[in-house]
Amino acid sequence: MDYANDPELNGKYLGTITKDFATVSDTLMEASSQIRKSDISKYPIFVFARQQVPLGALLVNADDLNLEWHVFASYAELFVQQGIINAEGIPAFQQTYKDPNEYCCLFVLDEEFTNFVFVPYPED
């Protein structure tokens, strides 16, 4: 599934997500590296939400940086515990998961749109 071609995402979300992602991408890349290095998970997930949500730890407070999206650091195993990914879905999720050194796995959570999106980190 190519999430970038989702018309809902392109129209309404991609602009604001991309803008905020560009601002916080270095922070997310570092957090992703730490989650993987410390053996918490091989599958970091960053939740983009407009309000506080109980999915992981608040990493970026939108209000502090004048952004539209708060960012929470989480990971696949926690998503299974919380019932967002069912246990049978883990192999498919792992196959879909892109190289975490090149792509950031976002879980966009909004009233009208909830989905995983893989966004490439900006080139240095």
N, C-alpha and C. Protein backbone atom coordinates (compact mmCIF):
# COMPACT_ATOMS: atom_id res chain seq x y z
N MET A 1 0.84 -1.19 0.00
CA MET A 1 0.00 0.00 0.00
C MET A 1 0.88 1.25 0.00
N ASP A 2 0.66 2.12 -0.94
CA ASP A 2 1.45 3.34 -1.01
C ASP A 2 0.65 4.46 -0.35
N TYR A 3 1.01 4.79 0.88
CA TYR A 3 0.24 5.76 1.64
C TYR A 3 0.30 7.15 1.03
N ALA A 4 1.40 7.47 0.35
CA ALA A 4 1.56 8.82 -0.19
C ALA A 4 0.51 9.12 -1.26
N ASN A 5 -0.07 8.09 -1.86
CA ASN A 5 -1.07 8.31 -2.91
C ASN A 5 -2.49 8.40 -2.37
N ASP A 6 -2.65 8.33 -1.07
CA ASP A 6 -3.97 8.43 -0.48
C ASP A 6 -4.50 9.85 -0.67
N PRO A 7 -5.62 10.03 -1.38
CA PRO A 7 -6.11 11.37 -1.67
C PRO A 7 -6.45 12.17 -0.41
N GLU A 8 -6.97 11.50 0.61
CA GLU A 8 -7.27 12.20 1.86
C GLU A 8 -6.00 12.79 2.45
N LEU A 9 -4.96 11.98 2.44
CA LEU A 9 -3.71 12.43 3.03
C LEU A 9 -3.12 13.57 2.21
N ASN A 10 -3.10 13.39 0.90
CA ASN A 10 -2.54 14.43 0.05
C ASN A 10 -3.24 15.76 0.26
N GLY A 11 -4.58 15.72 0.21
CA GLY A 11 -5.31 16.96 0.27
C GLY A 11 -5.21 17.66 1.60
N LYS A 12 -5.66 17.00 2.61
CA LYS A 12 -5.90 17.68 3.86
C LYS A 12 -4.72 17.65 4.82
N TYR A 13 -3.93 16.60 4.77
CA TYR A 13 -2.96 16.40 5.82
C TYR A 13 -1.51 16.57 5.41
N LEU A 14 -1.20 16.17 4.20
CA LEU A 14 0.21 16.08 3.85
C LEU A 14 0.95 17.39 4.05
N GLY A 15 0.31 18.49 3.70
CA GLY A 15 0.97 19.80 3.86
C GLY A 15 1.36 20.09 5.29
N THR A 16 0.41 19.98 6.22
CA THR A 16 0.71 20.33 7.60
C THR A 16 1.63 19.30 8.24
N ILE A 17 1.44 18.03 7.89
CA ILE A 17 2.31 17.00 8.44
C ILE A 17 3.73 17.20 7.93
N THR A 18 3.87 17.44 6.64
CA THR A 18 5.20 17.63 6.06
C THR A 18 5.90 18.83 6.67
N LYS A 19 5.16 19.91 6.85
CA LYS A 19 5.74 21.12 7.44
C LYS A 19 6.24 20.84 8.85
N ASP A 20 5.39 20.24 9.68
CA ASP A 20 5.78 19.94 11.05
C ASP A 20 6.90 18.89 11.08
N PHE A 21 6.80 17.89 10.20
CA PHE A 21 7.83 16.85 10.15
C PHE A 21 9.20 17.44 9.84
N ALA A 22 9.24 18.40 8.90
CA ALA A 22 10.51 19.03 8.56
C ALA A 22 11.13 19.71 9.78
N THR A 23 10.30 20.29 10.62
CA THR A 23 10.77 20.98 11.82
C THR A 23 11.34 20.01 12.85
N VAL A 24 10.71 18.84 12.98
CA VAL A 24 11.07 17.91 14.07
C VAL A 24 11.81 16.66 13.60
N SER A 25 12.13 16.58 12.32
CA SER A 25 12.70 15.33 11.78
C SER A 25 14.00 14.92 12.47
N ASP A 26 14.86 15.88 12.81
CA ASP A 26 16.11 15.52 13.50
C ASP A 26 15.82 14.90 14.86
N THR A 27 14.85 15.45 15.56
CA THR A 27 14.46 14.92 16.87
C THR A 27 13.91 13.50 16.72
N LEU A 28 13.08 13.30 15.69
CA LEU A 28 12.48 11.98 15.49
C LEU A 28 13.53 10.96 15.08
N MET A 29 14.47 11.38 14.24
CA MET A 29 15.53 10.47 13.80
C MET A 29 16.36 10.02 15.00
N GLU A 30 16.69 10.96 15.87
CA GLU A 30 17.47 10.64 17.07
C GLU A 30 16.68 9.73 18.00
N ALA A 31 15.41 10.02 18.20
CA ALA A 31 14.57 9.18 19.08
C ALA A 31 14.44 7.78 18.50
N SER A 32 14.25 7.68 17.19
CA SER A 32 14.15 6.38 16.52
C SER A 32 15.42 5.57 16.76
N SER A 33 16.55 6.22 16.61
CA SER A 33 17.84 5.56 16.82
C SER A 33 17.96 5.07 18.27
N GLN A 34 17.55 5.90 19.22
CA GLN A 34 17.65 5.52 20.64
C GLN A 34 16.73 4.33 20.96
N ILE A 35 15.51 4.36 20.42
CA ILE A 35 14.55 3.27 20.66
C ILE A 35 15.14 1.95 20.14
N ARG A 36 15.78 2.01 18.95
CA ARG A 36 16.34 0.79 18.36
C ARG A 36 17.62 0.37 19.07
N LYS A 37 18.50 1.33 19.41
CA LYS A 37 19.78 1.00 20.07
C LYS A 37 19.58 0.41 21.45
N SER A 38 18.56 0.90 22.16
CA SER A 38 18.36 0.42 23.53
C SER A 38 17.48 -0.83 23.57
N ASP A 39 17.25 -1.43 22.38
CA ASP A 39 16.49 -2.68 22.28
C ASP A 39 15.08 -2.58 22.82
N ILE A 40 14.50 -1.37 22.82
CA ILE A 40 13.09 -1.23 23.20
C ILE A 40 12.25 -1.85 22.08
N SER A 41 12.61 -1.50 20.83
CA SER A 41 11.88 -2.03 19.68
C SER A 41 12.68 -1.79 18.41
N LYS A 42 12.47 -2.65 17.42
CA LYS A 42 13.04 -2.43 16.09
C LYS A 42 12.09 -1.60 15.25
N TYR A 43 10.90 -1.30 15.80
CA TYR A 43 9.85 -0.65 15.02
C TYR A 43 9.30 0.59 15.72
N PRO A 44 10.10 1.67 15.75
CA PRO A 44 9.60 2.91 16.35
C PRO A 44 8.44 3.47 15.52
N ILE A 45 7.47 4.04 16.22
CA ILE A 45 6.32 4.68 15.59
C ILE A 45 6.15 6.04 16.26
N PHE A 46 5.96 7.07 15.44
CA PHE A 46 5.74 8.40 15.99
C PHE A 46 4.31 8.83 15.70
N VAL A 47 3.58 9.08 16.77
CA VAL A 47 2.17 9.43 16.65
C VAL A 47 2.06 10.94 16.45
N PHE A 48 1.40 11.33 15.36
CA PHE A 48 1.11 12.74 15.10
C PHE A 48 -0.36 12.95 15.45
N ALA A 49 -0.63 13.78 16.44
CA ALA A 49 -2.01 14.04 16.86
C ALA A 49 -2.16 15.51 17.22
N ARG A 50 -3.34 16.03 17.02
CA ARG A 50 -3.58 17.45 17.32
C ARG A 50 -3.88 17.68 18.80
N GLN A 51 -4.13 16.60 19.54
CA GLN A 51 -4.39 16.73 20.98
C GLN A 51 -3.62 15.65 21.71
N GLN A 52 -3.60 15.74 23.03
CA GLN A 52 -2.91 14.74 23.83
C GLN A 52 -3.59 13.39 23.65
N VAL A 53 -2.81 12.36 23.42
CA VAL A 53 -3.35 11.01 23.28
C VAL A 53 -2.51 10.04 24.14
N PRO A 54 -3.11 8.95 24.60
CA PRO A 54 -2.39 8.01 25.46
C PRO A 54 -1.62 6.97 24.65
N LEU A 55 -0.86 7.42 23.67
CA LEU A 55 -0.11 6.50 22.81
C LEU A 55 1.36 6.85 22.84
N GLY A 56 2.05 6.35 23.84
CA GLY A 56 3.48 6.61 23.92
C GLY A 56 3.77 7.87 24.73
N ALA A 57 5.01 8.33 24.64
CA ALA A 57 5.47 9.47 25.43
C ALA A 57 5.51 10.73 24.57
N LEU A 58 5.06 11.84 25.13
CA LEU A 58 5.10 13.10 24.40
C LEU A 58 6.55 13.45 24.09
N LEU A 59 6.86 13.58 22.82
CA LEU A 59 8.21 13.90 22.38
C LEU A 59 8.31 15.36 21.97
N VAL A 60 7.31 15.84 21.25
CA VAL A 60 7.29 17.23 20.78
C VAL A 60 5.93 17.83 21.14
N ASN A 61 5.95 18.88 21.94
CA ASN A 61 4.72 19.59 22.27
C ASN A 61 4.51 20.66 21.20
N ALA A 62 3.44 20.52 20.43
CA ALA A 62 3.16 21.44 19.32
C ALA A 62 3.13 22.89 19.79
N ASP A 63 2.58 23.11 20.99
CA ASP A 63 2.44 24.48 21.50
C ASP A 63 3.80 25.14 21.71
N ASP A 64 4.80 24.36 22.11
CA ASP A 64 6.13 24.92 22.37
C ASP A 64 6.81 25.38 21.10
N LEU A 65 6.53 24.70 19.98
CA LEU A 65 7.23 25.01 18.72
C LEU A 65 6.31 25.65 17.68
N ASN A 66 5.11 26.02 18.11
CA ASN A 66 4.15 26.64 17.20
C ASN A 66 3.85 25.73 16.00
N LEU A 67 3.60 24.46 16.30
CA LEU A 67 3.27 23.47 15.28
C LEU A 67 1.80 23.10 15.39
N GLU A 68 1.30 22.39 14.38
CA GLU A 68 -0.09 21.93 14.41
C GLU A 68 -0.23 20.57 15.09
N TRP A 69 0.85 19.76 15.08
CA TRP A 69 0.78 18.38 15.54
C TRP A 69 1.69 18.15 16.74
N HIS A 70 1.14 17.52 17.78
CA HIS A 70 1.98 16.98 18.86
C HIS A 70 2.58 15.67 18.32
N VAL A 71 3.75 15.32 18.83
CA VAL A 71 4.37 14.07 18.41
C VAL A 71 4.68 13.22 19.65
N PHE A 72 4.23 11.97 19.60
CA PHE A 72 4.45 11.03 20.68
C PHE A 72 5.33 9.90 20.18
N ALA A 73 6.32 9.51 20.98
CA ALA A 73 7.20 8.40 20.62
C ALA A 73 6.57 7.10 21.13
N SER A 74 6.46 6.12 20.23
CA SER A 74 5.91 4.83 20.59
C SER A 74 6.62 3.76 19.76
N TYR A 75 6.06 2.56 19.76
CA TYR A 75 6.68 1.46 19.01
C TYR A 75 5.65 0.36 18.81
N ALA A 76 5.96 -0.53 17.88
CA ALA A 76 4.99 -1.53 17.44
C ALA A 76 4.45 -2.38 18.59
N GLU A 77 5.32 -2.83 19.48
CA GLU A 77 4.88 -3.72 20.56
C GLU A 77 3.85 -3.04 21.47
N LEU A 78 4.04 -1.75 21.70
CA LEU A 78 3.07 -1.00 22.51
C LEU A 78 1.74 -0.88 21.76
N PHE A 79 1.80 -0.71 20.44
CA PHE A 79 0.58 -0.65 19.64
C PHE A 79 -0.19 -1.98 19.71
N VAL A 80 0.55 -3.10 19.82
CA VAL A 80 -0.10 -4.40 19.97
C VAL A 80 -0.76 -4.47 21.36
N GLN A 81 -0.02 -4.06 22.39
CA GLN A 81 -0.58 -4.08 23.75
C GLN A 81 -1.85 -3.23 23.82
N GLN A 82 -1.87 -2.11 23.10
CA GLN A 82 -3.01 -1.19 23.15
C GLN A 82 -4.10 -1.56 22.15
N GLY A 83 -3.89 -2.65 21.39
CA GLY A 83 -4.92 -3.13 20.49
C GLY A 83 -5.06 -2.38 19.17
N ILE A 84 -4.10 -1.53 18.85
CA ILE A 84 -4.15 -0.80 17.58
C ILE A 84 -3.70 -1.71 16.43
N ILE A 85 -2.66 -2.50 16.71
CA ILE A 85 -2.23 -3.53 15.76
C ILE A 85 -2.58 -4.85 16.42
N ASN A 86 -3.34 -5.72 15.73
CA ASN A 86 -3.61 -7.01 16.37
C ASN A 86 -2.41 -7.93 16.16
N ALA A 87 -2.25 -8.87 17.06
CA ALA A 87 -1.06 -9.73 17.05
C ALA A 87 -0.88 -10.43 15.72
N GLU A 88 -1.99 -10.83 15.08
CA GLU A 88 -1.90 -11.50 13.78
C GLU A 88 -1.40 -10.54 12.70
N GLY A 89 -1.56 -9.25 12.93
CA GLY A 89 -1.15 -8.25 11.93
C GLY A 89 0.31 -7.87 12.00
N ILE A 90 1.01 -8.34 13.04
CA ILE A 90 2.42 -7.96 13.21
C ILE A 90 3.31 -8.36 12.02
N PRO A 91 3.23 -9.60 11.51
CA PRO A 91 4.10 -9.94 10.37
C PRO A 91 3.88 -9.01 9.17
N ALA A 92 2.63 -8.69 8.87
CA ALA A 92 2.34 -7.79 7.75
C ALA A 92 2.88 -6.40 8.04
N PHE A 93 2.72 -5.93 9.29
CA PHE A 93 3.26 -4.62 9.66
C PHE A 93 4.78 -4.61 9.50
N GLN A 94 5.44 -5.67 9.96
CA GLN A 94 6.90 -5.73 9.87
C GLN A 94 7.36 -5.75 8.41
N GLN A 95 6.60 -6.41 7.53
CA GLN A 95 6.96 -6.43 6.11
C GLN A 95 6.79 -5.06 5.47
N THR A 96 5.76 -4.34 5.90
CA THR A 96 5.47 -3.01 5.34
C THR A 96 6.44 -1.97 5.87
N TYR A 97 6.96 -2.19 7.07
CA TYR A 97 7.80 -1.22 7.75
C TYR A 97 9.05 -0.92 6.91
N LYS A 98 9.30 0.35 6.66
CA LYS A 98 10.44 0.72 5.81
C LYS A 98 11.69 0.97 6.66
N ASP A 99 12.84 0.96 6.02
CA ASP A 99 14.13 1.15 6.69
C ASP A 99 14.08 2.36 7.62
N PRO A 100 14.18 2.13 8.95
CA PRO A 100 14.04 3.23 9.90
C PRO A 100 15.18 4.24 9.86
N ASN A 101 16.27 3.93 9.15
CA ASN A 101 17.33 4.92 8.97
C ASN A 101 16.97 5.92 7.87
N GLU A 102 16.03 5.54 7.02
CA GLU A 102 15.65 6.40 5.90
C GLU A 102 14.23 6.94 6.01
N TYR A 103 13.36 6.18 6.66
CA TYR A 103 11.94 6.56 6.74
C TYR A 103 11.49 6.63 8.18
N CYS A 104 10.60 7.56 8.44
CA CYS A 104 9.99 7.68 9.74
C CYS A 104 8.57 7.10 9.66
N CYS A 105 8.23 6.21 10.57
CA CYS A 105 6.89 5.65 10.62
C CYS A 105 6.02 6.55 11.47
N LEU A 106 5.05 7.20 10.83
CA LEU A 106 4.12 8.06 11.55
C LEU A 106 2.78 7.35 11.67
N PHE A 107 2.13 7.57 12.78
CA PHE A 107 0.75 7.15 12.93
C PHE A 107 -0.04 8.44 13.09
N VAL A 108 -0.74 8.82 12.03
CA VAL A 108 -1.49 10.07 12.03
C VAL A 108 -2.86 9.80 12.63
N LEU A 109 -3.17 10.54 13.66
CA LEU A 109 -4.40 10.32 14.41
C LEU A 109 -5.20 11.61 14.42
N ASP A 110 -6.30 11.62 13.67
CA ASP A 110 -7.15 12.80 13.64
C ASP A 110 -8.59 12.33 13.56
N GLU A 111 -9.54 13.22 13.70
CA GLU A 111 -10.94 12.81 13.74
C GLU A 111 -11.36 12.10 12.46
N GLU A 112 -10.87 12.57 11.32
CA GLU A 112 -11.34 12.02 10.05
C GLU A 112 -10.33 11.10 9.37
N PHE A 113 -9.15 11.01 9.92
CA PHE A 113 -8.10 10.24 9.24
C PHE A 113 -7.21 9.59 10.29
N THR A 114 -7.07 8.28 10.21
CA THR A 114 -6.16 7.56 11.10
C THR A 114 -5.45 6.52 10.25
N ASN A 115 -4.13 6.64 10.14
CA ASN A 115 -3.39 5.69 9.31
C ASN A 115 -1.90 5.78 9.58
N PHE A 116 -1.20 4.74 9.20
CA PHE A 116 0.26 4.75 9.22
C PHE A 116 0.74 5.42 7.94
N VAL A 117 1.80 6.21 8.07
CA VAL A 117 2.39 6.88 6.91
C VAL A 117 3.90 6.79 7.08
N PHE A 118 4.59 6.43 6.01
CA PHE A 118 6.06 6.40 6.06
C PHE A 118 6.58 7.62 5.30
N VAL A 119 7.33 8.46 6.02
CA VAL A 119 7.83 9.71 5.44
C VAL A 119 9.34 9.64 5.41
N PRO A 120 9.95 9.91 4.25
CA PRO A 120 11.42 9.88 4.21
C PRO A 120 12.01 11.04 5.01
N TYR A 121 13.09 10.73 5.73
CA TYR A 121 13.81 11.80 6.41
C TYR A 121 14.44 12.72 5.37
N PRO A 122 14.52 14.03 5.65
CA PRO A 122 15.17 14.93 4.68
C PRO A 122 16.64 14.53 4.49
N GLU A 123 17.10 14.71 3.26
CA GLU A 123 18.53 14.46 3.00
C GLU A 123 19.33 15.55 3.68
N ASP A 124 20.50 15.20 4.21
CA ASP A 124 21.34 16.23 4.85
C ASP A 124 21.88 17.20 3.82
